[in-house]
Amino acid sequence: QVQLVESGGGLVQAGGSLRLSCVASGSIFSVNAMGWYRQAPGKQRELVAALTSGGSTNYGDSVKGRFTISRDNAKNTVYLQMNSLKPEDTAVYYCNVVVRRSWSAREYDYWGQGTQVTVSS
């Protein structure tokens, strides 16, 4: 199994910054994609940012230019730097990783438990 531990959420005023971290551990042969999704009350879960093992990034339209995703491959850790936060960024943020657990090409998809981010106006 693979465990994900998220940290860094909290309450911040509009215009402020937060940095989320997610550490993956357990039966990991290699980590492929790592990313962040969020879900606000009454809304569907949406992509915030994703980063492949090759370095390609993909951002949700609403966060482009404000959020930056990065990873530390040696630590199996993914970060999300969130700047210029807005009240509409308020949501539970979930870490997502896609890993290989052996030489097999089969990929496994894991989710963290989520961390609350609240932006006050």
Protein backbone atom coordinates (compact mmCIF):
# COMPACT_ATOMS: atom_id res chain seq x y z
CA GLN A 1 0.00 0.00 0.00
CA VAL A 2 0.91 3.65 -0.36
CA GLN A 3 0.27 6.33 2.22
CA LEU A 4 -0.06 10.04 1.54
CA VAL A 5 0.40 12.63 4.26
CA GLU A 6 -0.72 16.14 3.46
CA SER A 7 0.12 19.29 5.39
CA GLY A 8 0.06 23.06 5.09
CA GLY A 9 -3.62 23.89 4.92
CA GLY A 10 -5.24 26.52 7.09
CA LEU A 11 -6.93 29.89 7.26
CA VAL A 12 -5.49 32.85 5.38
CA GLN A 13 -6.72 36.27 4.33
CA ALA A 14 -7.38 37.09 0.71
CA GLY A 15 -4.14 38.00 -1.04
CA GLY A 16 -2.10 35.76 1.23
CA SER A 17 -0.11 32.63 0.54
CA LEU A 18 -0.01 29.03 1.66
CA ARG A 19 2.20 26.08 0.77
CA LEU A 20 0.81 22.57 0.74
CA SER A 21 2.98 19.47 0.99
CA CYS A 22 2.22 15.83 0.34
CA VAL A 23 4.62 13.00 1.14
CA ALA A 24 4.10 9.59 -0.42
CA SER A 25 5.48 6.49 1.28
CA GLY A 26 5.05 2.73 1.23
CA SER A 27 5.25 0.23 -1.64
CA ILE A 28 6.59 2.59 -4.27
CA PHE A 29 8.81 1.49 -7.13
CA SER A 30 8.49 4.77 -8.97
CA VAL A 31 6.26 7.81 -8.81
CA ASN A 32 4.74 8.94 -12.05
CA ALA A 33 2.29 11.80 -11.87
CA MET A 34 1.71 13.82 -8.69
CA GLY A 35 -0.91 16.48 -8.33
CA TRP A 36 -3.47 18.41 -6.37
CA TYR A 37 -7.23 18.56 -6.72
CA ARG A 38 -9.79 20.48 -4.72
CA GLN A 39 -13.43 20.24 -3.84
CA ALA A 40 -15.54 23.12 -2.56
CA PRO A 41 -18.89 22.54 -0.84
CA GLY A 42 -21.56 21.64 -3.38
CA LYS A 43 -19.08 21.40 -6.23
CA GLN A 44 -17.29 18.62 -8.05
CA ARG A 45 -13.66 17.84 -7.42
CA GLU A 46 -11.47 19.72 -9.89
CA LEU A 47 -7.87 19.71 -11.00
CA VAL A 48 -5.68 22.34 -9.42
CA ALA A 49 -2.28 21.30 -10.72
CA ALA A 50 -0.51 18.16 -11.88
CA LEU A 51 3.11 17.31 -12.58
CA THR A 52 4.41 14.29 -14.46
CA SER A 53 7.69 12.50 -13.81
CA GLY A 54 9.00 14.10 -16.98
CA GLY A 55 8.32 17.58 -15.66
CA SER A 56 5.20 18.47 -17.62
CA THR A 57 2.71 20.59 -15.73
CA ASN A 58 -1.00 21.15 -16.07
CA TYR A 59 -2.93 23.80 -14.15
CA GLY A 60 -6.59 24.54 -13.71
CA ASP A 61 -7.57 27.75 -15.49
CA SER A 62 -8.59 29.49 -12.27
CA VAL A 63 -5.16 29.11 -10.64
CA LYS A 64 -2.82 29.77 -13.56
CA GLY A 65 -0.30 32.44 -12.70
CA ARG A 66 -1.01 32.19 -8.96
CA PHE A 67 -0.21 28.59 -8.00
CA THR A 68 2.97 26.63 -8.64
CA ILE A 69 3.39 22.88 -8.35
CA SER A 70 6.78 21.29 -7.72
CA ARG A 71 8.15 17.98 -6.54
CA ASP A 72 11.13 16.52 -4.77
CA ASN A 73 11.67 13.13 -6.38
CA ALA A 74 14.15 11.98 -3.76
CA LYS A 75 11.56 12.53 -1.05
CA ASN A 76 8.48 11.48 -3.05
CA THR A 77 7.01 14.82 -2.11
CA VAL A 78 4.85 17.22 -4.06
CA TYR A 79 4.30 20.86 -3.13
CA LEU A 80 1.72 23.43 -4.08
CA GLN A 81 2.69 27.05 -3.58
CA MET A 82 -0.47 29.15 -3.55
CA ASN A 83 -0.12 32.92 -3.88
CA SER A 84 -2.66 35.71 -4.25
CA LEU A 85 -5.30 33.53 -2.67
CA LYS A 86 -8.94 34.39 -3.22
CA PRO A 87 -12.05 33.44 -1.22
CA GLU A 88 -13.10 31.24 -4.15
CA ASP A 89 -10.00 29.13 -3.55
CA THR A 90 -11.61 27.89 -0.34
CA ALA A 91 -11.90 24.12 -0.57
CA VAL A 92 -10.56 20.82 0.64
CA TYR A 93 -7.35 20.12 -1.25
CA TYR A 94 -6.48 16.53 -2.07
CA CYS A 95 -3.12 15.13 -3.04
CA ASN A 96 -3.08 12.54 -5.83
CA VAL A 97 -0.22 10.30 -6.90
CA VAL A 98 0.14 7.70 -9.61
CA VAL A 99 2.81 5.13 -8.85
CA ARG A 100 4.31 1.89 -10.04
CA ARG A 101 4.78 -0.66 -7.27
CA SER A 102 7.10 -3.01 -9.17
CA TRP A 103 8.82 -3.57 -12.52
CA SER A 104 5.35 -4.08 -13.95
CA ALA A 105 4.03 -1.16 -15.98
CA ARG A 106 0.77 -1.27 -14.03
CA GLU A 107 0.00 2.06 -12.36
CA TYR A 108 -1.83 2.63 -9.09
CA ASP A 109 -3.76 5.75 -8.18
CA TYR A 110 -3.86 7.04 -4.59
CA TRP A 111 -5.53 9.94 -2.84
CA GLY A 112 -4.76 11.76 0.37
CA GLN A 113 -7.37 12.49 3.01
CA GLY A 114 -7.50 16.16 2.17
CA THR A 115 -6.47 19.38 3.86
CA GLN A 116 -8.77 22.35 4.34
CA VAL A 117 -7.83 25.70 2.85
CA THR A 118 -10.00 28.64 3.87
CA VAL A 119 -9.50 32.11 2.43
CA SER A 120 -11.29 34.95 4.19
CA SER A 121 -12.28 38.16 2.44
